[in-house]
Amino acid sequence: MSWIFAFFGVIARTASSVQGISMLILFPLTFLSNAFVPADTMPDWLQWFVNVNPVSHLVTAVRSLVNDGVVTGDVFVA
């Protein structure tokens, strides 16, 4: 994801346009992740997207590190 935003930083003219583009990408990814609601309570079609969402992997990795102190596979994916 950082390479995508670095690319936008190179082609955009101002920093505020890069911020706007990044919000267009991150806003839906955040709300379509397991950051606010557990994935098993979501419909099947949304669970599929949550499982491949990079924000979900990041949230799961941080939760496992903070709550249990366990390094899971999500840490490496994130």
Protein backbone atom coordinates (compact mmCIF):
# COMPACT_ATOMS: atom_id res chain seq x y z
CA MET A 1 0.00 0.00 0.00
CA SER A 2 2.87 2.37 0.67
CA TRP A 3 4.05 2.02 -2.92
CA ILE A 4 0.62 3.04 -4.16
CA PHE A 5 0.67 6.19 -2.08
CA ALA A 6 4.29 6.89 -3.06
CA PHE A 7 3.19 6.70 -6.70
CA PHE A 8 0.39 9.18 -6.04
CA GLY A 9 2.90 11.42 -4.30
CA VAL A 10 5.08 11.46 -7.40
CA ILE A 11 2.30 12.17 -9.91
CA ALA A 12 0.21 14.62 -7.84
CA ARG A 13 0.93 18.33 -7.82
CA THR A 14 0.20 19.14 -4.17
CA ALA A 15 0.29 17.37 -0.84
CA SER A 16 -3.40 18.02 -0.28
CA SER A 17 -4.30 16.20 -3.48
CA VAL A 18 -2.29 13.18 -2.33
CA GLN A 19 -4.14 13.31 0.98
CA GLY A 20 -7.48 13.41 -0.83
CA ILE A 21 -6.57 10.48 -3.04
CA SER A 22 -5.35 8.46 -0.07
CA MET A 23 -8.58 9.11 1.83
CA LEU A 24 -10.58 7.86 -1.17
CA ILE A 25 -8.68 4.58 -0.87
CA LEU A 26 -8.34 4.21 2.91
CA PHE A 27 -11.84 5.30 3.93
CA PRO A 28 -13.68 2.35 2.33
CA LEU A 29 -10.92 -0.09 3.28
CA THR A 30 -11.20 0.91 6.93
CA PHE A 31 -14.96 0.57 7.13
CA LEU A 32 -14.92 -2.70 5.16
CA SER A 33 -12.50 -4.32 7.61
CA ASN A 34 -12.74 -6.00 10.99
CA ALA A 35 -11.68 -2.82 12.81
CA PHE A 36 -15.12 -2.03 14.19
CA VAL A 37 -17.10 -5.29 13.93
CA PRO A 38 -15.92 -8.92 14.14
CA ALA A 39 -15.74 -10.52 10.71
CA ASP A 40 -17.81 -13.56 11.70
CA THR A 41 -20.89 -11.35 12.25
CA MET A 42 -20.79 -10.07 8.67
CA PRO A 43 -22.53 -11.54 5.60
CA ASP A 44 -20.59 -14.13 3.61
CA TRP A 45 -19.82 -11.84 0.67
CA LEU A 46 -18.43 -9.21 3.03
CA GLN A 47 -16.43 -11.76 5.03
CA TRP A 48 -14.60 -12.66 1.84
CA PHE A 49 -13.56 -9.04 1.30
CA VAL A 50 -12.65 -8.57 4.96
CA ASN A 51 -10.35 -11.60 4.80
CA VAL A 52 -8.36 -10.15 1.87
CA ASN A 53 -8.43 -6.55 3.09
CA PRO A 54 -4.94 -5.33 4.14
CA VAL A 55 -6.44 -3.13 6.86
CA SER A 56 -8.03 -6.24 8.43
CA HIS A 57 -4.65 -7.95 8.56
CA LEU A 58 -3.12 -4.91 10.21
CA VAL A 59 -5.91 -4.67 12.80
CA THR A 60 -5.70 -8.39 13.59
CA ALA A 61 -1.91 -8.19 13.94
CA VAL A 62 -2.07 -5.24 16.31
CA ARG A 63 -4.82 -6.85 18.38
CA SER A 64 -2.89 -10.08 18.78
CA LEU A 65 0.30 -8.24 19.71
CA VAL A 66 -1.33 -5.90 22.21
CA ASN A 67 -3.83 -8.29 23.80
CA ASP A 68 -1.88 -11.55 23.85
CA GLY A 69 1.70 -10.60 22.98
CA VAL A 70 1.63 -13.21 20.24
CA VAL A 71 3.22 -12.75 16.83
CA THR A 72 0.85 -14.27 14.26
CA GLY A 73 0.99 -14.61 10.51
CA ASP A 74 -0.91 -11.35 10.17
CA VAL A 75 2.14 -9.47 11.40
CA PHE A 76 4.11 -10.70 8.40
CA VAL A 77 1.22 -10.00 6.00
CA ALA A 78 0.84 -6.49 7.35
